PDB file of N, CA and C in Angstrom:
ATOM      1  N   MET A   1    -158.292 151.554 -19.569  1.00  0.00           N
ATOM      2  CA  MET A   1    -158.950 151.502 -18.289  1.00  0.00           C
ATOM      3  C   MET A   1    -159.053 150.045 -17.834  1.00  0.00           C
ATOM      4  N   GLU A   2    -158.782 149.804 -16.585  1.00  0.00           N
ATOM      5  CA  GLU A   2    -158.836 148.448 -16.046  1.00  0.00           C
ATOM      6  C   GLU A   2    -160.036 148.274 -15.142  1.00  0.00           C
ATOM      7  N   LYS A   3    -160.600 147.075 -15.204  1.00  0.00           N
ATOM      8  CA  LYS A   3    -161.705 146.710 -14.331  1.00  0.00           C
ATOM      9  C   LYS A   3    -161.266 145.547 -13.469  1.00  0.00           C
ATOM     10  N   GLU A   4    -162.005 145.305 -12.399  1.00  0.00           N
ATOM     11  CA  GLU A   4    -161.646 144.250 -11.458  1.00  0.00           C
ATOM     12  C   GLU A   4    -162.804 143.278 -11.314  1.00  0.00           C
ATOM     13  N   THR A   5    -162.475 141.993 -11.207  1.00  0.00           N
ATOM     14  CA  THR A   5    -163.477 140.958 -10.979  1.00  0.00           C
ATOM     15  C   THR A   5    -162.830 139.856 -10.142  1.00  0.00           C
ATOM     16  N   MET A   6    -163.634 138.899  -9.742  1.00  0.00           N
ATOM     17  CA  MET A   6    -163.132 137.752  -8.992  1.00  0.00           C
ATOM     18  C   MET A   6    -163.130 136.528  -9.907  1.00  0.00           C
ATOM     19  N   GLY A   7    -162.110 135.725  -9.785  1.00  0.00           N
ATOM     20  CA  GLY A   7    -162.004 134.497 -10.559  1.00  0.00           C
ATOM     21  C   GLY A   7    -161.882 133.300  -9.629  1.00  0.00           C
ATOM     22  N   THR A   8    -162.063 132.110 -10.178  1.00  0.00           N
ATOM     23  CA  THR A   8    -161.980 130.872  -9.414  1.00  0.00           C
ATOM     24  C   THR A   8    -160.847 130.016  -9.967  1.00  0.00           C
ATOM     25  N   VAL A   9    -160.008 129.495  -9.090  1.00  0.00           N
ATOM     26  CA  VAL A   9    -158.915 128.610  -9.500  1.00  0.00           C
ATOM     27  C   VAL A   9    -159.525 127.256  -9.871  1.00  0.00           C
ATOM     28  N   ILE A  10    -159.277 126.803 -11.108  1.00  0.00           N
ATOM     29  CA  ILE A  10    -159.851 125.532 -11.552  1.00  0.00           C
ATOM     30  C   ILE A  10    -158.806 124.438 -11.677  1.00  0.00           C
ATOM     31  N   SER A  11    -157.514 124.800 -11.685  1.00  0.00           N
ATOM     32  CA  SER A  11    -156.473 123.788 -11.834  1.00  0.00           C
ATOM     33  C   SER A  11    -155.153 124.303 -11.270  1.00  0.00           C
ATOM     34  N   VAL A  12    -154.416 123.419 -10.596  1.00  0.00           N
ATOM     35  CA  VAL A  12    -153.062 123.718 -10.114  1.00  0.00           C
ATOM     36  C   VAL A  12    -152.183 122.535 -10.506  1.00  0.00           C
ATOM     37  N   VAL A  13    -151.126 122.811 -11.287  1.00  0.00           N
ATOM     38  CA  VAL A  13    -150.235 121.753 -11.763  1.00  0.00           C
ATOM     39  C   VAL A  13    -148.809 122.089 -11.360  1.00  0.00           C
ATOM     40  N   LYS A  14    -148.146 121.147 -10.684  1.00  0.00           N
ATOM     41  CA  LYS A  14    -146.743 121.330 -10.301  1.00  0.00           C
ATOM     42  C   LYS A  14    -145.858 120.986 -11.490  1.00  0.00           C
ATOM     43  N   GLN A  15    -144.905 121.837 -11.781  1.00  0.00           N
ATOM     44  CA  GLN A  15    -143.962 121.606 -12.868  1.00  0.00           C
ATOM     45  C   GLN A  15    -142.775 120.810 -12.324  1.00  0.00           C
ATOM     46  N   GLY A  16    -142.926 119.487 -12.299  1.00  0.00           N
ATOM     47  CA  GLY A  16    -141.925 118.616 -11.697  1.00  0.00           C
ATOM     48  C   GLY A  16    -140.623 118.540 -12.465  1.00  0.00           C
ATOM     49  N   TRP A  17    -140.635 118.939 -13.714  1.00  0.00           N
ATOM     50  CA  TRP A  17    -139.425 118.864 -14.528  1.00  0.00           C
ATOM     51  C   TRP A  17    -138.481 120.035 -14.273  1.00  0.00           C
ATOM     52  N   LEU A  18    -138.928 121.053 -13.511  1.00  0.00           N
ATOM     53  CA  LEU A  18    -138.087 122.218 -13.242  1.00  0.00           C
ATOM     54  C   LEU A  18    -137.871 122.346 -11.740  1.00  0.00           C
ATOM     55  N   LYS A  19    -136.782 121.804 -11.252  1.00  0.00           N
ATOM     56  CA  LYS A  19    -136.472 121.820  -9.822  1.00  0.00           C
ATOM     57  C   LYS A  19    -135.594 123.020  -9.507  1.00  0.00           C
ATOM     58  N   VAL A  20    -135.939 123.734  -8.428  1.00  0.00           N
ATOM     59  CA  VAL A  20    -135.147 124.874  -7.965  1.00  0.00           C
ATOM     60  C   VAL A  20    -134.558 124.491  -6.616  1.00  0.00           C
ATOM     61  N   ASN A  21    -133.239 124.442  -6.547  1.00  0.00           N
ATOM     62  CA  ASN A  21    -132.572 124.092  -5.294  1.00  0.00           C
ATOM     63  C   ASN A  21    -132.517 125.319  -4.390  1.00  0.00           C
ATOM     64  N   THR A  22    -132.926 125.146  -3.138  1.00  0.00           N
ATOM     65  CA  THR A  22    -132.931 126.254  -2.191  1.00  0.00           C
ATOM     66  C   THR A  22    -131.832 126.143  -1.146  1.00  0.00           C
ATOM     67  N   LYS A  23    -131.097 125.052  -1.145  1.00  0.00           N
ATOM     68  CA  LYS A  23    -130.005 124.862  -0.192  1.00  0.00           C
ATOM     69  C   LYS A  23    -128.688 124.748  -0.957  1.00  0.00           C
ATOM     70  N   PRO A  24    -127.602 125.253  -0.394  1.00  0.00           N
ATOM     71  CA  PRO A  24    -126.310 125.132  -1.080  1.00  0.00           C
ATOM     72  C   PRO A  24    -125.748 123.705  -1.042  1.00  0.00           C
ATOM     73  N   VAL A  25    -126.048 122.971   0.024  1.00  0.00           N
ATOM     74  CA  VAL A  25    -125.565 121.595   0.156  1.00  0.00           C
ATOM     75  C   VAL A  25    -126.770 120.707   0.433  1.00  0.00           C
ATOM     76  N   ARG A  26    -126.877 119.608  -0.328  1.00  0.00           N
ATOM     77  CA  ARG A  26    -128.029 118.723  -0.175  1.00  0.00           C
ATOM     78  C   ARG A  26    -127.555 117.338   0.230  1.00  0.00           C
ATOM     79  N   MET A  27    -128.393 116.648   0.995  1.00  0.00           N
ATOM     80  CA  MET A  27    -128.085 115.278   1.408  1.00  0.00           C
ATOM     81  C   MET A  27    -128.615 114.260   0.393  1.00  0.00           C
ATOM     82  N   HIS A  28    -129.734 114.600  -0.293  1.00  0.00           N
ATOM     83  CA  HIS A  28    -130.269 113.747  -1.343  1.00  0.00           C
ATOM     84  C   HIS A  28    -130.874 114.636  -2.430  1.00  0.00           C
ATOM     85  N   ALA A  29    -131.384 114.066  -3.485  1.00  0.00           N
ATOM     86  CA  ALA A  29    -131.781 114.804  -4.687  1.00  0.00           C
ATOM     87  C   ALA A  29    -132.877 115.843  -4.443  1.00  0.00           C
ATOM     88  N   LEU A  30    -133.849 115.564  -3.590  1.00  0.00           N
ATOM     89  CA  LEU A  30    -134.955 116.498  -3.387  1.00  0.00           C
ATOM     90  C   LEU A  30    -134.868 117.273  -2.082  1.00  0.00           C
ATOM     91  N   ASP A  31    -133.724 117.257  -1.419  1.00  0.00           N
ATOM     92  CA  ASP A  31    -133.533 118.007  -0.185  1.00  0.00           C
ATOM     93  C   ASP A  31    -133.462 119.498  -0.512  1.00  0.00           C
ATOM     94  N   GLY A  32    -134.425 120.259  -0.038  1.00  0.00           N
ATOM     95  CA  GLY A  32    -134.451 121.693  -0.292  1.00  0.00           C
ATOM     96  C   GLY A  32    -134.968 122.061  -1.666  1.00  0.00           C
ATOM     97  N   ALA A  33    -135.624 121.148  -2.371  1.00  0.00           N
ATOM     98  CA  ALA A  33    -136.130 121.430  -3.705  1.00  0.00           C
ATOM     99  C   ALA A  33    -137.477 122.143  -3.635  1.00  0.00           C
ATOM    100  N   ALA A  34    -137.675 123.078  -4.540  1.00  0.00           N
ATOM    101  CA  ALA A  34    -138.960 123.770  -4.685  1.00  0.00           C
ATOM    102  C   ALA A  34    -139.327 123.713  -6.163  1.00  0.00           C
ATOM    103  N   PHE A  35    -140.615 123.655  -6.439  1.00  0.00           N
ATOM    104  CA  PHE A  35    -141.077 123.527  -7.811  1.00  0.00           C
ATOM    105  C   PHE A  35    -142.055 124.660  -8.141  1.00  0.00           C
ATOM    106  N   PRO A  36    -141.981 125.230  -9.355  1.00  0.00           N
ATOM    107  CA  PRO A  36    -142.978 126.214  -9.773  1.00  0.00           C
ATOM    108  C   PRO A  36    -144.301 125.522 -10.111  1.00  0.00           C
ATOM    109  N   HIS A  37    -145.376 126.303 -10.190  1.00  0.00           N
ATOM    110  CA  HIS A  37    -146.699 125.776 -10.500  1.00  0.00           C
ATOM    111  C   HIS A  37    -147.334 126.590 -11.626  1.00  0.00           C
ATOM    112  N   VAL A  38    -148.262 125.976 -12.335  1.00  0.00           N
ATOM    113  CA  VAL A  38    -149.094 126.666 -13.319  1.00  0.00           C
ATOM    114  C   VAL A  38    -150.529 126.538 -12.830  1.00  0.00           C
ATOM    115  N   ILE A  39    -151.215 127.682 -12.685  1.00  0.00           N
ATOM    116  CA  ILE A  39    -152.604 127.654 -12.236  1.00  0.00           C
ATOM    117  C   ILE A  39    -153.494 128.150 -13.367  1.00  0.00           C
ATOM    118  N   LYS A  40    -154.705 127.612 -13.434  1.00  0.00           N
ATOM    119  CA  LYS A  40    -155.718 128.070 -14.385  1.00  0.00           C
ATOM    120  C   LYS A  40    -156.845 128.716 -13.594  1.00  0.00           C
ATOM    121  N   ILE A  41    -157.271 129.881 -14.060  1.00  0.00           N
ATOM    122  CA  ILE A  41    -158.295 130.641 -13.374  1.00  0.00           C
ATOM    123  C   ILE A  41    -159.418 130.949 -14.359  1.00  0.00           C
ATOM    124  N   ARG A  42    -160.646 130.710 -13.939  1.00  0.00           N
ATOM    125  CA  ARG A  42    -161.819 131.045 -14.750  1.00  0.00           C
ATOM    126  C   ARG A  42    -162.449 132.307 -14.173  1.00  0.00           C
ATOM    127  N   TYR A  43    -162.711 133.275 -15.059  1.00  0.00           N
ATOM    128  CA  TYR A  43    -163.354 134.511 -14.638  1.00  0.00           C
ATOM    129  C   TYR A  43    -164.365 134.953 -15.696  1.00  0.00           C
ATOM    130  N   THR A  44    -165.300 135.795 -15.289  1.00  0.00           N
ATOM    131  CA  THR A  44    -166.334 136.305 -16.178  1.00  0.00           C
ATOM    132  C   THR A  44    -166.168 137.809 -16.311  1.00  0.00           C
ATOM    133  N   ALA A  45    -166.149 138.277 -17.562  1.00  0.00           N
ATOM    134  CA  ALA A  45    -166.044 139.704 -17.838  1.00  0.00           C
ATOM    135  C   ALA A  45    -167.003 140.043 -18.974  1.00  0.00           C
ATOM    136  N   ASP A  46    -167.865 141.008 -18.738  1.00  0.00           N
ATOM    137  CA  ASP A  46    -168.846 141.465 -19.732  1.00  0.00           C
ATOM    138  C   ASP A  46    -169.724 140.326 -20.245  1.00  0.00           C
ATOM    139  N   GLY A  47    -170.087 139.401 -19.366  1.00  0.00           N
ATOM    140  CA  GLY A  47    -170.987 138.313 -19.725  1.00  0.00           C
ATOM    141  C   GLY A  47    -170.339 137.130 -20.411  1.00  0.00           C
ATOM    142  N   ARG A  48    -169.039 137.138 -20.609  1.00  0.00           N
ATOM    143  CA  ARG A  48    -168.332 136.013 -21.236  1.00  0.00           C
ATOM    144  C   ARG A  48    -167.369 135.388 -20.235  1.00  0.00           C
ATOM    145  N   ASP A  49    -167.169 134.077 -20.376  1.00  0.00           N
ATOM    146  CA  ASP A  49    -166.216 133.358 -19.523  1.00  0.00           C
ATOM    147  C   ASP A  49    -164.852 133.321 -20.199  1.00  0.00           C
ATOM    148  N   TYR A  50    -163.818 133.497 -19.394  1.00  0.00           N
ATOM    149  CA  TYR A  50    -162.441 133.444 -19.867  1.00  0.00           C
ATOM    150  C   TYR A  50    -161.646 132.535 -18.946  1.00  0.00           C
ATOM    151  N   VAL A  51    -160.564 131.957 -19.490  1.00  0.00           N
ATOM    152  CA  VAL A  51    -159.652 131.138 -18.700  1.00  0.00           C
ATOM    153  C   VAL A  51    -158.259 131.740 -18.854  1.00  0.00           C
ATOM    154  N   LYS A  52    -157.621 132.001 -17.730  1.00  0.00           N
ATOM    155  CA  LYS A  52    -156.280 132.594 -17.708  1.00  0.00           C
ATOM    156  C   LYS A  52    -155.312 131.611 -17.071  1.00  0.00           C
ATOM    157  N   ARG A  53    -154.166 131.403 -17.692  1.00  0.00           N
ATOM    158  CA  ARG A  53    -153.108 130.583 -17.109  1.00  0.00           C
ATOM    159  C   ARG A  53    -152.061 131.504 -16.513  1.00  0.00           C
ATOM    160  N   LYS A  54    -151.555 131.125 -15.336  1.00  0.00           N
ATOM    161  CA  LYS A  54    -150.581 131.951 -14.630  1.00  0.00           C
ATOM    162  C   LYS A  54    -149.464 131.079 -14.091  1.00  0.00           C
ATOM    163  N   TRP A  55    -148.239 131.470 -14.314  1.00  0.00           N
ATOM    164  CA  TRP A  55    -147.050 130.780 -13.817  1.00  0.00           C
ATOM    165  C   TRP A  55    -146.745 131.331 -12.425  1.00  0.00           C
ATOM    166  N   VAL A  56    -146.634 130.459 -11.420  1.00  0.00           N
ATOM    167  CA  VAL A  56    -146.306 130.856 -10.055  1.00  0.00           C
ATOM    168  C   VAL A  56    -144.897 130.363  -9.767  1.00  0.00           C
ATOM    169  N   ARG A  57    -144.008 131.281  -9.438  1.00  0.00           N
ATOM    170  CA  ARG A  57    -142.599 130.930  -9.216  1.00  0.00           C
ATOM    171  C   ARG A  57    -142.431 129.990  -8.032  1.00  0.00           C
ATOM    172  N   ALA A  58    -141.326 129.269  -8.034  1.00  0.00           N
ATOM    173  CA  ALA A  58    -141.015 128.344  -6.946  1.00  0.00           C
ATOM    174  C   ALA A  58    -140.828 129.113  -5.649  1.00  0.00           C
ATOM    175  N   GLY A  59    -141.408 128.588  -4.576  1.00  0.00           N
ATOM    176  CA  GLY A  59    -141.272 129.196  -3.264  1.00  0.00           C
ATOM    177  C   GLY A  59    -142.398 130.153  -2.901  1.00  0.00           C
ATOM    178  N   LEU A  60    -143.194 130.587  -3.874  1.00  0.00           N
ATOM    179  CA  LEU A  60    -144.314 131.471  -3.577  1.00  0.00           C
ATOM    180  C   LEU A  60    -145.542 130.639  -3.214  1.00  0.00           C
ATOM    181  N   PRO A  61    -146.455 131.201  -2.417  1.00  0.00           N
ATOM    182  CA  PRO A  61    -147.660 130.444  -2.049  1.00  0.00           C
ATOM    183  C   PRO A  61    -148.556 130.206  -3.266  1.00  0.00           C
ATOM    184  N   VAL A  62    -149.121 129.009  -3.330  1.00  0.00           N
ATOM    185  CA  VAL A  62    -149.972 128.607  -4.453  1.00  0.00           C
ATOM    186  C   VAL A  62    -151.415 128.532  -3.963  1.00  0.00           C
ATOM    187  N   PRO A  63    -152.365 129.152  -4.677  1.00  0.00           N
ATOM    188  CA  PRO A  63    -153.761 129.062  -4.243  1.00  0.00           C
ATOM    189  C   PRO A  63    -154.312 127.652  -4.430  1.00  0.00           C
ATOM    190  N   VAL A  64    -155.318 127.321  -3.649  1.00  0.00           N
ATOM    191  CA  VAL A  64    -155.936 126.001  -3.671  1.00  0.00           C
ATOM    192  C   VAL A  64    -157.025 125.984  -4.743  1.00  0.00           C
ATOM    193  N   VAL A  65    -157.264 124.812  -5.336  1.00  0.00           N
ATOM    194  CA  VAL A  65    -158.333 124.680  -6.324  1.00  0.00           C
ATOM    195  C   VAL A  65    -159.667 125.035  -5.668  1.00  0.00           C
ATOM    196  N   GLY A  66    -160.436 125.891  -6.328  1.00  0.00           N
ATOM    197  CA  GLY A  66    -161.721 126.341  -5.807  1.00  0.00           C
ATOM    198  C   GLY A  66    -161.659 127.658  -5.061  1.00  0.00           C
ATOM    199  N   SER A  67    -160.473 128.170  -4.802  1.00  0.00           N
ATOM    200  CA  SER A  67    -160.371 129.438  -4.084  1.00  0.00           C
ATOM    201  C   SER A  67    -160.589 130.614  -5.039  1.00  0.00           C
ATOM    202  N   ALA A  68    -160.945 131.749  -4.478  1.00  0.00           N
ATOM    203  CA  ALA A  68    -161.212 132.955  -5.264  1.00  0.00           C
ATOM    204  C   ALA A  68    -159.965 133.842  -5.293  1.00  0.00           C
ATOM    205  N   VAL A  69    -159.681 134.420  -6.452  1.00  0.00           N
ATOM    206  CA  VAL A  69    -158.558 135.344  -6.623  1.00  0.00           C
ATOM    207  C   VAL A  69    -159.049 136.580  -7.369  1.00  0.00           C
ATOM    208  N   LYS A  70    -158.362 137.710  -7.159  1.00  0.00           N
ATOM    209  CA  LYS A  70    -158.714 138.949  -7.847  1.00  0.00           C
ATOM    210  C   LYS A  70    -158.084 138.968  -9.230  1.00  0.00           C
ATOM    211  N   ILE A  71    -158.847 139.475 -10.195  1.00  0.00           N
ATOM    212  CA  ILE A  71    -158.396 139.593 -11.574  1.00  0.00           C
ATOM    213  C   ILE A  71    -158.572 141.040 -12.014  1.00  0.00           C
ATOM    214  N   LEU A  72    -157.543 141.619 -12.609  1.00  0.00           N
ATOM    215  CA  LEU A  72    -157.643 142.917 -13.270  1.00  0.00           C
ATOM    216  C   LEU A  72    -157.609 142.656 -14.767  1.00  0.00           C
ATOM    217  N   TYR A  73    -158.592 143.184 -15.492  1.00  0.00           N
ATOM    218  CA  TYR A  73    -158.613 142.983 -16.937  1.00  0.00           C
ATOM    219  C   TYR A  73    -158.848 144.318 -17.638  1.00  0.00           C
ATOM    220  N   ARG A  74    -158.447 144.359 -18.899  1.00  0.00           N
ATOM    221  CA  ARG A  74    -158.616 145.568 -19.692  1.00  0.00           C
ATOM    222  C   ARG A  74    -160.055 145.673 -20.170  1.00  0.00           C
ATOM    223  N   ALA A  75    -160.627 146.856 -20.128  1.00  0.00           N
ATOM    224  CA  ALA A  75    -162.019 147.052 -20.522  1.00  0.00           C
ATOM    225  C   ALA A  75    -162.211 146.814 -22.019  1.00  0.00           C
ATOM    226  N   ASP A  76    -161.210 147.182 -22.835  1.00  0.00           N
ATOM    227  CA  ASP A  76    -161.350 146.997 -24.272  1.00  0.00           C
ATOM    228  C   ASP A  76    -161.032 145.567 -24.722  1.00  0.00           C
ATOM    229  N   LYS A  77    -160.181 144.845 -23.979  1.00  0.00           N
ATOM    230  CA  LYS A  77    -159.837 143.449 -24.275  1.00  0.00           C
ATOM    231  C   LYS A  77    -159.888 142.642 -22.979  1.00  0.00           C
ATOM    232  N   PRO A  78    -161.048 142.085 -22.623  1.00  0.00           N
ATOM    233  CA  PRO A  78    -161.170 141.349 -21.360  1.00  0.00           C
ATOM    234  C   PRO A  78    -160.292 140.096 -21.296  1.00  0.00           C
ATOM    235  N   ALA A  79    -159.830 139.584 -22.432  1.00  0.00           N
ATOM    236  CA  ALA A  79    -158.958 138.406 -22.414  1.00  0.00           C
ATOM    237  C   ALA A  79    -157.563 138.741 -21.871  1.00  0.00           C
ATOM    238  N   LYS A  80    -157.172 140.012 -21.916  1.00  0.00           N
ATOM    239  CA  LYS A  80    -155.896 140.457 -21.343  1.00  0.00           C
ATOM    240  C   LYS A  80    -156.128 140.730 -19.866  1.00  0.00           C
ATOM    241  N   ALA A  81    -155.589 139.862 -19.020  1.00  0.00           N
ATOM    242  CA  ALA A  81    -155.864 139.973 -17.592  1.00  0.00           C
ATOM    243  C   ALA A  81    -154.589 139.779 -16.786  1.00  0.00           C
ATOM    244  N   THR A  82    -154.655 140.250 -15.545  1.00  0.00           N
ATOM    245  CA  THR A  82    -153.563 140.088 -14.585  1.00  0.00           C
ATOM    246  C   THR A  82    -154.148 139.511 -13.300  1.00  0.00           C
ATOM    247  N   VAL A  83    -153.452 138.510 -12.759  1.00  0.00           N
ATOM    248  CA  VAL A  83    -153.891 137.889 -11.517  1.00  0.00           C
ATOM    249  C   VAL A  83    -153.183 138.577 -10.369  1.00  0.00           C
ATOM    250  N   LEU A  84    -153.945 138.971  -9.355  1.00  0.00           N
ATOM    251  CA  LEU A  84    -153.351 139.631  -8.186  1.00  0.00           C
ATOM    252  C   LEU A  84    -153.147 138.645  -7.064  1.00  0.00           C
TER     253      LEU A  84
END
């Protein structure tokens, strides 16, 4: 059974070492480059605090630090969570 809660983004880090080219022809090294991000989210489930790390693919919108996101977690193991 899954439960739902709200979490807070506490960290957003750009993975600069992994560049994804979005254009077939580039004029310079970073023309059309997109980078993936790793976000950390703090959430509370059953009275305990948890921190979840989530990989966000290049080109997808990245939440801002301090914003709220939905979390689905397992009732038997609250550390197993999914970010929506």
